[in-house]
Amino acid sequence: MSPKQRLNLLRGLVFLLVILVSIYLFTIRDQARELARYGYPGIFLLSILSNATIILPAPGILFVFAMGAVFDPLLVALLAGAGAAIGELSGYLLGFSGRAVVENSDRYQKIFSWMKAHRTLSNLAILLLAFIPNPLFDLAGMAAGTLRIPVAKFWLFTFLGKTLKMLLFAFAGASSLDYLFGQLRILLRI
């Protein structure tokens, strides 16, 4: 088997693995919420799981909001950001496999073309798309993999963007709980 054939076989296996993991995670999304009872490790694992799906929705941000009300919001954000960045490697690997399922999509083509034309700004694009709650980040991950952006750079900028986003949601969750308890105290004094 030639090196090119081995590479194509590896890409095909990665493609199949990412698709199977996405389907599996989507089917167990309700059971995955039980990980919250394991505290910080559960937050980390659930964040990996909710971000490892490709295009399929998973309730990661709502979970971070709720956990920010119960646990230290800074630790919740850091663990959820790290887990999210690891989970998002599935999109990167799908793009790296050379078989981006969405390569005929107009949105994918726009993101891919922009990242290809502005390679020096692609890290900033990864950070911004990771920060903004949107379903397009999977496409950016696929484009980054296709463009062979170094995986360490992809992970770092994804981690930064996801952690900043998780900080907002975790602290919003913590603040909402403080607000509710404050209102309850006011009611009990009346």
N, C-alpha and C. Protein backbone atom coordinates (compact mmCIF):
# COMPACT_ATOMS: atom_id res chain seq x y z
N MET A 1 0.85 -1.17 0.00
CA MET A 1 0.00 0.00 0.00
C MET A 1 0.91 1.24 0.00
N SER A 2 0.65 2.14 -0.92
CA SER A 2 1.47 3.35 -1.04
C SER A 2 1.16 4.33 0.10
N PRO A 3 2.07 5.26 0.37
CA PRO A 3 1.81 6.26 1.41
C PRO A 3 0.53 7.06 1.15
N LYS A 4 0.26 7.37 -0.12
CA LYS A 4 -0.96 8.12 -0.44
C LYS A 4 -2.20 7.29 -0.14
N GLN A 5 -2.17 6.00 -0.44
CA GLN A 5 -3.30 5.12 -0.15
C GLN A 5 -3.51 4.99 1.36
N ARG A 6 -2.40 4.88 2.12
CA ARG A 6 -2.51 4.80 3.58
C ARG A 6 -3.12 6.08 4.15
N LEU A 7 -2.70 7.23 3.61
CA LEU A 7 -3.24 8.50 4.06
C LEU A 7 -4.74 8.58 3.75
N ASN A 8 -5.12 8.16 2.56
CA ASN A 8 -6.54 8.17 2.20
C ASN A 8 -7.34 7.20 3.07
N LEU A 9 -6.77 6.06 3.39
CA LEU A 9 -7.44 5.11 4.28
C LEU A 9 -7.60 5.72 5.67
N LEU A 10 -6.55 6.36 6.17
CA LEU A 10 -6.63 7.02 7.48
C LEU A 10 -7.67 8.12 7.47
N ARG A 11 -7.71 8.92 6.43
CA ARG A 11 -8.71 9.98 6.32
C ARG A 11 -10.12 9.40 6.29
N GLY A 12 -10.31 8.33 5.56
CA GLY A 12 -11.62 7.69 5.51
C GLY A 12 -12.04 7.15 6.87
N LEU A 13 -11.10 6.56 7.60
CA LEU A 13 -11.40 6.05 8.94
C LEU A 13 -11.74 7.18 9.91
N VAL A 14 -10.99 8.28 9.83
CA VAL A 14 -11.27 9.44 10.68
C VAL A 14 -12.65 9.99 10.36
N PHE A 15 -12.97 10.10 9.09
CA PHE A 15 -14.29 10.57 8.65
C PHE A 15 -15.39 9.69 9.24
N LEU A 16 -15.25 8.39 9.10
CA LEU A 16 -16.24 7.45 9.61
C LEU A 16 -16.35 7.54 11.13
N LEU A 17 -15.23 7.64 11.81
CA LEU A 17 -15.22 7.74 13.27
C LEU A 17 -15.95 9.00 13.74
N VAL A 18 -15.67 10.14 13.12
CA VAL A 18 -16.32 11.40 13.52
C VAL A 18 -17.83 11.31 13.31
N ILE A 19 -18.25 10.77 12.20
CA ILE A 19 -19.68 10.64 11.93
C ILE A 19 -20.34 9.70 12.95
N LEU A 20 -19.71 8.57 13.24
CA LEU A 20 -20.28 7.62 14.21
C LEU A 20 -20.34 8.23 15.61
N VAL A 21 -19.29 8.94 16.02
CA VAL A 21 -19.29 9.58 17.34
C VAL A 21 -20.39 10.63 17.42
N SER A 22 -20.56 11.42 16.36
CA SER A 22 -21.61 12.45 16.35
C SER A 22 -23.00 11.83 16.50
N ILE A 23 -23.24 10.77 15.76
CA ILE A 23 -24.54 10.10 15.83
C ILE A 23 -24.76 9.51 17.22
N TYR A 24 -23.73 8.88 17.76
CA TYR A 24 -23.84 8.29 19.09
C TYR A 24 -24.11 9.35 20.15
N LEU A 25 -23.34 10.43 20.12
CA LEU A 25 -23.52 11.50 21.12
C LEU A 25 -24.90 12.14 21.01
N PHE A 26 -25.39 12.28 19.80
CA PHE A 26 -26.72 12.85 19.62
C PHE A 26 -27.78 11.94 20.23
N THR A 27 -27.60 10.64 20.11
CA THR A 27 -28.60 9.71 20.64
C THR A 27 -28.56 9.59 22.16
N ILE A 28 -27.42 9.90 22.80
CA ILE A 28 -27.35 9.78 24.26
C ILE A 28 -27.36 11.14 24.97
N ARG A 29 -27.74 12.19 24.27
CA ARG A 29 -27.64 13.54 24.85
C ARG A 29 -28.43 13.68 26.15
N ASP A 30 -29.56 13.01 26.30
CA ASP A 30 -30.34 13.12 27.53
C ASP A 30 -29.63 12.41 28.70
N GLN A 31 -29.04 11.27 28.44
CA GLN A 31 -28.33 10.55 29.49
C GLN A 31 -27.04 11.27 29.88
N ALA A 32 -26.45 12.01 28.96
CA ALA A 32 -25.18 12.70 29.22
C ALA A 32 -25.34 13.77 30.30
N ARG A 33 -26.53 14.32 30.46
CA ARG A 33 -26.76 15.35 31.48
C ARG A 33 -26.50 14.83 32.89
N GLU A 34 -26.58 13.52 33.06
CA GLU A 34 -26.34 12.94 34.37
C GLU A 34 -24.90 13.15 34.83
N LEU A 35 -24.01 13.49 33.90
CA LEU A 35 -22.61 13.74 34.27
C LEU A 35 -22.48 14.93 35.22
N ALA A 36 -23.46 15.79 35.26
CA ALA A 36 -23.40 16.97 36.13
C ALA A 36 -23.25 16.58 37.60
N ARG A 37 -23.77 15.44 37.96
CA ARG A 37 -23.67 15.03 39.37
C ARG A 37 -22.23 14.71 39.77
N TYR A 38 -21.33 14.61 38.82
CA TYR A 38 -19.92 14.35 39.11
C TYR A 38 -19.11 15.63 39.29
N GLY A 39 -19.80 16.77 39.37
CA GLY A 39 -19.12 18.04 39.64
C GLY A 39 -18.26 18.51 38.48
N TYR A 40 -17.09 19.01 38.82
CA TYR A 40 -16.21 19.59 37.81
C TYR A 40 -15.78 18.60 36.72
N PRO A 41 -15.41 17.36 37.08
CA PRO A 41 -15.09 16.41 35.99
C PRO A 41 -16.28 16.17 35.07
N GLY A 42 -17.48 16.16 35.64
CA GLY A 42 -18.69 15.98 34.83
C GLY A 42 -18.91 17.14 33.89
N ILE A 43 -18.64 18.35 34.38
CA ILE A 43 -18.77 19.55 33.53
C ILE A 43 -17.81 19.45 32.35
N PHE A 44 -16.57 19.05 32.62
CA PHE A 44 -15.56 18.90 31.57
C PHE A 44 -15.99 17.86 30.54
N LEU A 45 -16.41 16.69 31.02
CA LEU A 45 -16.81 15.61 30.11
C LEU A 45 -18.06 15.97 29.30
N LEU A 46 -19.04 16.58 29.96
CA LEU A 46 -20.25 16.95 29.24
C LEU A 46 -19.96 18.01 28.18
N SER A 47 -19.02 18.88 28.48
CA SER A 47 -18.63 19.90 27.50
C SER A 47 -17.96 19.26 26.28
N ILE A 48 -17.14 18.27 26.52
CA ILE A 48 -16.53 17.53 25.39
C ILE A 48 -17.64 16.91 24.55
N LEU A 49 -18.55 16.21 25.21
CA LEU A 49 -19.62 15.51 24.50
C LEU A 49 -20.53 16.46 23.73
N SER A 50 -20.89 17.58 24.35
CA SER A 50 -21.83 18.47 23.68
C SER A 50 -21.21 19.24 22.53
N ASN A 51 -19.88 19.29 22.48
CA ASN A 51 -19.21 19.99 21.38
C ASN A 51 -18.62 19.05 20.35
N ALA A 52 -18.67 17.76 20.60
CA ALA A 52 -18.10 16.80 19.66
C ALA A 52 -19.07 16.44 18.55
N THR A 53 -20.31 16.84 18.67
CA THR A 53 -21.25 16.54 17.60
C THR A 53 -21.02 17.49 16.43
N ILE A 54 -21.24 16.99 15.25
CA ILE A 54 -21.08 17.80 14.04
C ILE A 54 -22.47 18.22 13.58
N ILE A 55 -22.71 19.52 13.55
CA ILE A 55 -23.94 20.14 13.10
C ILE A 55 -25.14 19.83 14.00
N LEU A 56 -25.19 18.66 14.60
CA LEU A 56 -26.32 18.28 15.45
C LEU A 56 -26.28 19.09 16.74
N PRO A 57 -27.42 19.58 17.22
CA PRO A 57 -27.43 20.43 18.42
C PRO A 57 -27.21 19.64 19.71
N ALA A 58 -26.53 20.28 20.65
CA ALA A 58 -26.35 19.71 21.98
C ALA A 58 -26.44 20.88 22.98
N PRO A 59 -26.97 20.63 24.19
CA PRO A 59 -27.28 21.72 25.12
C PRO A 59 -26.11 22.20 25.99
N GLY A 60 -24.97 22.44 25.42
CA GLY A 60 -23.79 22.80 26.20
C GLY A 60 -23.89 24.13 26.92
N ILE A 61 -24.36 25.16 26.26
CA ILE A 61 -24.40 26.49 26.86
C ILE A 61 -25.41 26.55 28.00
N LEU A 62 -26.56 25.94 27.83
CA LEU A 62 -27.56 25.93 28.90
C LEU A 62 -27.03 25.20 30.13
N PHE A 63 -26.29 24.16 29.89
CA PHE A 63 -25.68 23.40 30.98
C PHE A 63 -24.67 24.27 31.73
N VAL A 64 -23.84 25.01 31.01
CA VAL A 64 -22.86 25.89 31.65
C VAL A 64 -23.56 26.98 32.46
N PHE A 65 -24.64 27.52 31.92
CA PHE A 65 -25.43 28.51 32.64
C PHE A 65 -25.91 27.94 33.99
N ALA A 66 -26.47 26.74 33.94
CA ALA A 66 -26.99 26.11 35.16
C ALA A 66 -25.87 25.76 36.13
N MET A 67 -24.75 25.25 35.64
CA MET A 67 -23.65 24.86 36.51
C MET A 67 -22.94 26.08 37.10
N GLY A 68 -22.96 27.20 36.38
CA GLY A 68 -22.39 28.44 36.90
C GLY A 68 -23.15 28.92 38.12
N ALA A 69 -24.41 28.56 38.24
CA ALA A 69 -25.21 28.94 39.40
C ALA A 69 -24.91 28.05 40.60
N VAL A 70 -24.36 26.87 40.35
CA VAL A 70 -24.14 25.90 41.43
C VAL A 70 -22.67 25.84 41.85
N PHE A 71 -21.77 25.90 40.88
CA PHE A 71 -20.33 25.78 41.15
C PHE A 71 -19.64 27.11 40.90
N ASP A 72 -18.33 27.16 41.19
CA ASP A 72 -17.54 28.37 40.94
C ASP A 72 -17.57 28.68 39.45
N PRO A 73 -18.15 29.82 39.05
CA PRO A 73 -18.32 30.11 37.63
C PRO A 73 -17.01 30.18 36.84
N LEU A 74 -15.93 30.62 37.48
CA LEU A 74 -14.64 30.68 36.79
C LEU A 74 -14.14 29.28 36.45
N LEU A 75 -14.21 28.37 37.41
CA LEU A 75 -13.79 26.98 37.14
C LEU A 75 -14.72 26.30 36.14
N VAL A 76 -16.00 26.58 36.24
CA VAL A 76 -16.96 26.03 35.27
C VAL A 76 -16.57 26.48 33.87
N ALA A 77 -16.28 27.77 33.71
CA ALA A 77 -15.94 28.31 32.39
C ALA A 77 -14.64 27.71 31.86
N LEU A 78 -13.62 27.60 32.71
CA LEU A 78 -12.34 27.04 32.26
C LEU A 78 -12.48 25.58 31.85
N LEU A 79 -13.18 24.80 32.66
CA LEU A 79 -13.35 23.38 32.33
C LEU A 79 -14.26 23.19 31.12
N ALA A 80 -15.32 23.97 31.06
CA ALA A 80 -16.22 23.87 29.91
C ALA A 80 -15.52 24.35 28.64
N GLY A 81 -14.70 25.40 28.74
CA GLY A 81 -13.95 25.89 27.57
C GLY A 81 -12.94 24.86 27.08
N ALA A 82 -12.22 24.24 28.02
CA ALA A 82 -11.24 23.21 27.63
C ALA A 82 -11.94 22.01 27.01
N GLY A 83 -13.04 21.58 27.63
CA GLY A 83 -13.79 20.45 27.09
C GLY A 83 -14.38 20.76 25.73
N ALA A 84 -14.90 21.99 25.58
CA ALA A 84 -15.47 22.39 24.28
C ALA A 84 -14.40 22.39 23.20
N ALA A 85 -13.22 22.89 23.52
CA ALA A 85 -12.15 22.93 22.52
C ALA A 85 -11.73 21.51 22.11
N ILE A 86 -11.71 20.59 23.07
CA ILE A 86 -11.39 19.20 22.73
C ILE A 86 -12.50 18.61 21.87
N GLY A 87 -13.75 18.87 22.25
CA GLY A 87 -14.88 18.35 21.48
C GLY A 87 -14.92 18.88 20.06
N GLU A 88 -14.53 20.15 19.88
CA GLU A 88 -14.55 20.76 18.55
C GLU A 88 -13.49 20.18 17.62
N LEU A 89 -12.57 19.40 18.16
CA LEU A 89 -11.58 18.75 17.29
C LEU A 89 -12.24 17.79 16.31
N SER A 90 -13.48 17.37 16.60
CA SER A 90 -14.17 16.47 15.68
C SER A 90 -14.40 17.15 14.33
N GLY A 91 -14.80 18.41 14.33
CA GLY A 91 -14.98 19.14 13.08
C GLY A 91 -13.65 19.34 12.37
N TYR A 92 -12.61 19.66 13.13
CA TYR A 92 -11.28 19.83 12.57
C TYR A 92 -10.83 18.54 11.89
N LEU A 93 -11.02 17.42 12.59
CA LEU A 93 -10.61 16.13 12.03
C LEU A 93 -11.42 15.77 10.79
N LEU A 94 -12.68 16.14 10.79
CA LEU A 94 -13.50 15.88 9.61
C LEU A 94 -12.96 16.66 8.41
N GLY A 95 -12.60 17.92 8.63
CA GLY A 95 -11.99 18.71 7.56
C GLY A 95 -10.63 18.16 7.16
N PHE A 96 -9.85 17.74 8.15
CA PHE A 96 -8.53 17.18 7.88
C PHE A 96 -8.62 15.91 7.06
N SER A 97 -9.70 15.16 7.29
CA SER A 97 -9.85 13.90 6.55
C SER A 97 -10.06 14.16 5.06
N GLY A 98 -10.32 15.42 4.72
CA GLY A 98 -10.48 15.76 3.30
C GLY A 98 -11.85 15.44 2.77
N ARG A 99 -12.75 15.12 3.66
CA ARG A 99 -14.09 14.73 3.23
C ARG A 99 -15.15 15.57 3.94
N ALA A 100 -14.98 16.86 3.89
CA ALA A 100 -15.95 17.73 4.54
C ALA A 100 -17.32 17.48 3.91
N VAL A 101 -18.25 17.02 4.71
CA VAL A 101 -19.57 16.65 4.23
C VAL A 101 -20.32 17.85 3.68
N VAL A 102 -19.92 19.01 4.10
CA VAL A 102 -20.64 20.23 3.75
C VAL A 102 -19.89 21.08 2.74
N GLU A 103 -18.89 20.51 2.08
CA GLU A 103 -18.07 21.35 1.20
C GLU A 103 -18.85 21.97 0.05
N ASN A 104 -20.03 21.48 -0.24
CA ASN A 104 -20.86 22.10 -1.27
C ASN A 104 -21.79 23.17 -0.70
N SER A 105 -21.76 23.33 0.61
CA SER A 105 -22.59 24.34 1.27
C SER A 105 -22.03 25.74 1.01
N ASP A 106 -22.93 26.67 0.75
CA ASP A 106 -22.51 28.05 0.51
C ASP A 106 -21.81 28.64 1.74
N ARG A 107 -22.36 28.37 2.91
CA ARG A 107 -21.76 28.91 4.14
C ARG A 107 -20.36 28.36 4.35
N TYR A 108 -20.19 27.06 4.14
CA TYR A 108 -18.87 26.46 4.29
C TYR A 108 -17.91 27.09 3.30
N GLN A 109 -18.33 27.23 2.06
CA GLN A 109 -17.46 27.81 1.03
C GLN A 109 -17.04 29.23 1.39
N LYS A 110 -17.96 30.02 1.95
CA LYS A 110 -17.63 31.39 2.35
C LYS A 110 -16.59 31.39 3.46
N ILE A 111 -16.81 30.56 4.48
CA ILE A 111 -15.86 30.50 5.59
C ILE A 111 -14.51 29.97 5.11
N PHE A 112 -14.55 28.89 4.32
CA PHE A 112 -13.32 28.30 3.81
C PHE A 112 -12.54 29.29 2.94
N SER A 113 -13.23 29.95 2.03
CA SER A 113 -12.57 30.91 1.14
C SER A 113 -11.97 32.07 1.93
N TRP A 114 -12.72 32.57 2.90
CA TRP A 114 -12.21 33.68 3.69
C TRP A 114 -10.98 33.26 4.49
N MET A 115 -11.05 32.08 5.12
CA MET A 115 -9.91 31.61 5.92
C MET A 115 -8.70 31.32 5.04
N LYS A 116 -8.94 30.83 3.84
CA LYS A 116 -7.84 30.55 2.93
C LYS A 116 -7.20 31.85 2.44
N ALA A 117 -8.01 32.84 2.12
CA ALA A 117 -7.49 34.11 1.61
C ALA A 117 -6.82 34.93 2.71
N HIS A 118 -7.25 34.75 3.94
CA HIS A 118 -6.73 35.55 5.06
C HIS A 118 -6.11 34.63 6.11
N ARG A 119 -5.16 33.82 5.70
CA ARG A 119 -4.57 32.83 6.61
C ARG A 119 -4.02 33.45 7.89
N THR A 120 -3.48 34.67 7.77
CA THR A 120 -2.93 35.30 8.97
C THR A 120 -4.03 35.69 9.95
N LEU A 121 -5.24 35.89 9.47
CA LEU A 121 -6.36 36.26 10.33
C LEU A 121 -7.23 35.05 10.71
N SER A 122 -6.89 33.88 10.22
CA SER A 122 -7.74 32.72 10.47
C SER A 122 -7.80 32.38 11.96
N ASN A 123 -6.72 32.65 12.70
CA ASN A 123 -6.76 32.40 14.15
C ASN A 123 -7.79 33.30 14.82
N LEU A 124 -7.83 34.55 14.39
CA LEU A 124 -8.81 35.49 14.93
C LEU A 124 -10.23 35.04 14.57
N ALA A 125 -10.40 34.54 13.35
CA ALA A 125 -11.72 34.05 12.92
C ALA A 125 -12.15 32.86 13.78
N ILE A 126 -11.22 31.96 14.06
CA ILE A 126 -11.53 30.80 14.91
C ILE A 126 -11.95 31.28 16.29
N LEU A 127 -11.20 32.21 16.86
CA LEU A 127 -11.51 32.74 18.19
C LEU A 127 -12.90 33.39 18.20
N LEU A 128 -13.17 34.23 17.22
CA LEU A 128 -14.47 34.93 17.18
C LEU A 128 -15.64 33.98 16.96
N LEU A 129 -15.48 33.04 16.04
CA LEU A 129 -16.56 32.09 15.79
C LEU A 129 -16.77 31.15 16.98
N ALA A 130 -15.70 30.87 17.73
CA ALA A 130 -15.84 30.04 18.93
C ALA A 130 -16.55 30.82 20.04
N PHE A 131 -16.36 32.14 20.07
CA PHE A 131 -16.95 32.98 21.10
C PHE A 131 -18.44 33.23 20.86
N ILE A 132 -18.81 33.46 19.63
CA ILE A 132 -20.20 33.79 19.30
C ILE A 132 -21.03 32.50 19.28
N PRO A 133 -22.10 32.44 20.07
CA PRO A 133 -22.95 31.25 20.01
C PRO A 133 -23.59 31.13 18.63
N ASN A 134 -23.15 30.14 17.87
CA ASN A 134 -23.69 29.94 16.52
C ASN A 134 -23.37 28.53 16.05
N PRO A 135 -24.14 28.03 15.12
CA PRO A 135 -23.88 26.69 14.60
C PRO A 135 -22.80 26.65 13.53
N LEU A 136 -22.21 27.79 13.19
CA LEU A 136 -21.22 27.84 12.11
C LEU A 136 -19.83 27.39 12.54
N PHE A 137 -19.62 27.22 13.85
CA PHE A 137 -18.25 26.89 14.27
C PHE A 137 -17.81 25.54 13.73
N ASP A 138 -18.72 24.60 13.60
CA ASP A 138 -18.34 23.31 13.01
C ASP A 138 -17.76 23.50 11.61
N LEU A 139 -18.36 24.43 10.86
CA LEU A 139 -17.86 24.71 9.50
C LEU A 139 -16.47 25.33 9.55
N ALA A 140 -16.23 26.21 10.53
CA ALA A 140 -14.90 26.81 10.68
C ALA A 140 -13.88 25.75 11.06
N GLY A 141 -14.29 24.82 11.92
CA GLY A 141 -13.40 23.72 12.30
C GLY A 141 -13.04 22.85 11.11
N MET A 142 -14.04 22.55 10.29
CA MET A 142 -13.79 21.75 9.08
C MET A 142 -12.86 22.50 8.12
N ALA A 143 -13.10 23.80 7.98
CA ALA A 143 -12.24 24.60 7.10
C ALA A 143 -10.81 24.63 7.64
N ALA A 144 -10.66 24.77 8.95
CA ALA A 144 -9.32 24.79 9.56
C ALA A 144 -8.61 23.47 9.32
N GLY A 145 -9.33 22.36 9.44
CA GLY A 145 -8.73 21.05 9.18
C GLY A 145 -8.35 20.88 7.73
N THR A 146 -9.22 21.33 6.83
CA THR A 146 -8.94 21.24 5.40
C THR A 146 -7.72 22.07 5.03
N LEU A 147 -7.61 23.25 5.66
CA LEU A 147 -6.48 24.14 5.38
C LEU A 147 -5.21 23.73 6.12
N ARG A 148 -5.30 22.69 6.91
CA ARG A 148 -4.16 22.18 7.67
C ARG A 148 -3.58 23.21 8.63
N ILE A 149 -4.45 24.02 9.21
CA ILE A 149 -4.01 24.92 10.27
C ILE A 149 -3.51 24.01 11.39
N PRO A 150 -2.35 24.29 11.95
CA PRO A 150 -1.83 23.38 13.00
C PRO A 150 -2.86 23.15 14.10
N VAL A 151 -3.01 21.89 14.48
CA VAL A 151 -4.04 21.51 15.44
C VAL A 151 -3.85 22.23 16.78
N ALA A 152 -2.61 22.47 17.19
CA ALA A 152 -2.38 23.17 18.46
C ALA A 152 -2.90 24.60 18.40
N LYS A 153 -2.69 25.27 17.26
CA LYS A 153 -3.21 26.63 17.09
C LYS A 153 -4.74 26.62 17.08
N PHE A 154 -5.30 25.68 16.34
CA PHE A 154 -6.76 25.57 16.29
C PHE A 154 -7.31 25.36 17.69
N TRP A 155 -6.72 24.44 18.45
CA TRP A 155 -7.22 24.15 19.79
C TRP A 155 -7.07 25.39 20.69
N LEU A 156 -5.93 26.06 20.64
CA LEU A 156 -5.69 27.22 21.49
C LEU A 156 -6.72 28.33 21.25
N PHE A 157 -6.93 28.69 19.99
CA PHE A 157 -7.87 29.77 19.69
C PHE A 157 -9.32 29.35 19.92
N THR A 158 -9.60 28.07 19.75
CA THR A 158 -10.93 27.56 20.08
C THR A 158 -11.12 27.62 21.59
N PHE A 159 -10.11 27.20 22.34
CA PHE A 159 -10.18 27.25 23.80
C PHE A 159 -10.40 28.68 24.29
N LEU A 160 -9.67 29.63 23.75
CA LEU A 160 -9.82 31.02 24.17
C LEU A 160 -11.24 31.54 23.89
N GLY A 161 -11.72 31.32 22.68
CA GLY A 161 -13.06 31.78 22.32
C GLY A 161 -14.15 31.10 23.13
N LYS A 162 -14.06 29.78 23.25
CA LYS A 162 -15.08 29.02 23.99
C LYS A 162 -15.05 29.39 25.48
N THR A 163 -13.86 29.57 26.05
CA THR A 163 -13.76 29.91 27.47
C THR A 163 -14.35 31.29 27.74
N LEU A 164 -14.08 32.25 26.87
CA LEU A 164 -14.68 33.58 27.05
C LEU A 164 -16.21 33.50 26.99
N LYS A 165 -16.72 32.71 26.04
CA LYS A 165 -18.17 32.54 25.95
C LYS A 165 -18.72 31.85 27.19
N MET A 166 -18.03 30.81 27.65
CA MET A 166 -18.48 30.07 28.83
C MET A 166 -18.43 30.95 30.08
N LEU A 167 -17.45 31.86 30.14
CA LEU A 167 -17.39 32.81 31.26
C LEU A 167 -18.67 33.63 31.35
N LEU A 168 -19.10 34.13 30.20
CA LEU A 168 -20.33 34.93 30.18
C LEU A 168 -21.53 34.12 30.67
N PHE A 169 -21.67 32.91 30.19
CA PHE A 169 -22.82 32.10 30.56
C PHE A 169 -22.73 31.60 32.00
N ALA A 170 -21.54 31.22 32.46
CA ALA A 170 -21.39 30.74 33.83
C ALA A 170 -21.67 31.87 34.83
N PHE A 171 -21.13 33.06 34.56
CA PHE A 171 -21.38 34.18 35.46
C PHE A 171 -22.84 34.66 35.36
N ALA A 172 -23.43 34.54 34.21
CA ALA A 172 -24.86 34.87 34.09
C ALA A 172 -25.69 33.91 34.93
N GLY A 173 -25.33 32.64 34.92
CA GLY A 173 -26.02 31.65 35.75
C GLY A 173 -25.85 31.96 37.22
N ALA A 174 -24.62 32.30 37.62
CA ALA A 174 -24.35 32.63 39.03
C ALA A 174 -25.11 33.89 39.43
N SER A 175 -25.13 34.87 38.57
CA SER A 175 -25.84 36.12 38.87
C SER A 175 -27.34 35.91 38.97
N SER A 176 -27.87 35.06 38.13
CA SER A 176 -29.32 34.83 38.18
C SER A 176 -29.71 34.17 39.49
N LEU A 177 -28.86 33.28 39.97
CA LEU A 177 -29.16 32.63 41.25
C LEU A 177 -29.07 33.65 42.38
N ASP A 178 -28.05 34.51 42.36
CA ASP A 178 -27.94 35.57 43.36
C ASP A 178 -29.16 36.47 43.33
N TYR A 179 -29.61 36.81 42.14
CA TYR A 179 -30.79 37.67 41.99
C TYR A 179 -32.03 37.00 42.59
N LEU A 180 -32.21 35.73 42.27
CA LEU A 180 -33.38 35.01 42.79
C LEU A 180 -33.36 34.93 44.31
N PHE A 181 -32.19 34.64 44.89
CA PHE A 181 -32.10 34.58 46.34
C PHE A 181 -32.33 35.95 46.96
N GLY A 182 -31.85 37.00 46.30
CA GLY A 182 -32.09 38.36 46.77
C GLY A 182 -33.58 38.68 46.79
N GLN A 183 -34.26 38.30 45.74
CA GLN A 183 -35.71 38.54 45.67
C GLN A 183 -36.45 37.73 46.74
N LEU A 184 -35.98 36.50 46.96
CA LEU A 184 -36.60 35.66 47.98
C LEU A 184 -36.43 36.27 49.37
N ARG A 185 -35.24 36.81 49.65
CA ARG A 185 -35.00 37.47 50.94
C ARG A 185 -35.93 38.66 51.13
N ILE A 186 -36.10 39.44 50.06
CA ILE A 186 -37.00 40.60 50.13
C ILE A 186 -38.42 40.16 50.42
N LEU A 187 -38.87 39.10 49.77
CA LEU A 187 -40.23 38.59 49.98
C LEU A 187 -40.42 38.06 51.39
N LEU A 188 -39.41 37.40 51.92
CA LEU A 188 -39.54 36.82 53.26
C LEU A 188 -39.55 37.89 54.35
N ARG A 189 -38.99 39.04 54.11
CA ARG A 189 -38.99 40.13 55.09
C ARG A 189 -40.35 40.83 55.13
N ILE A 190 -41.12 40.74 54.06
CA ILE A 190 -42.43 41.42 54.01
C ILE A 190 -43.45 40.71 54.83
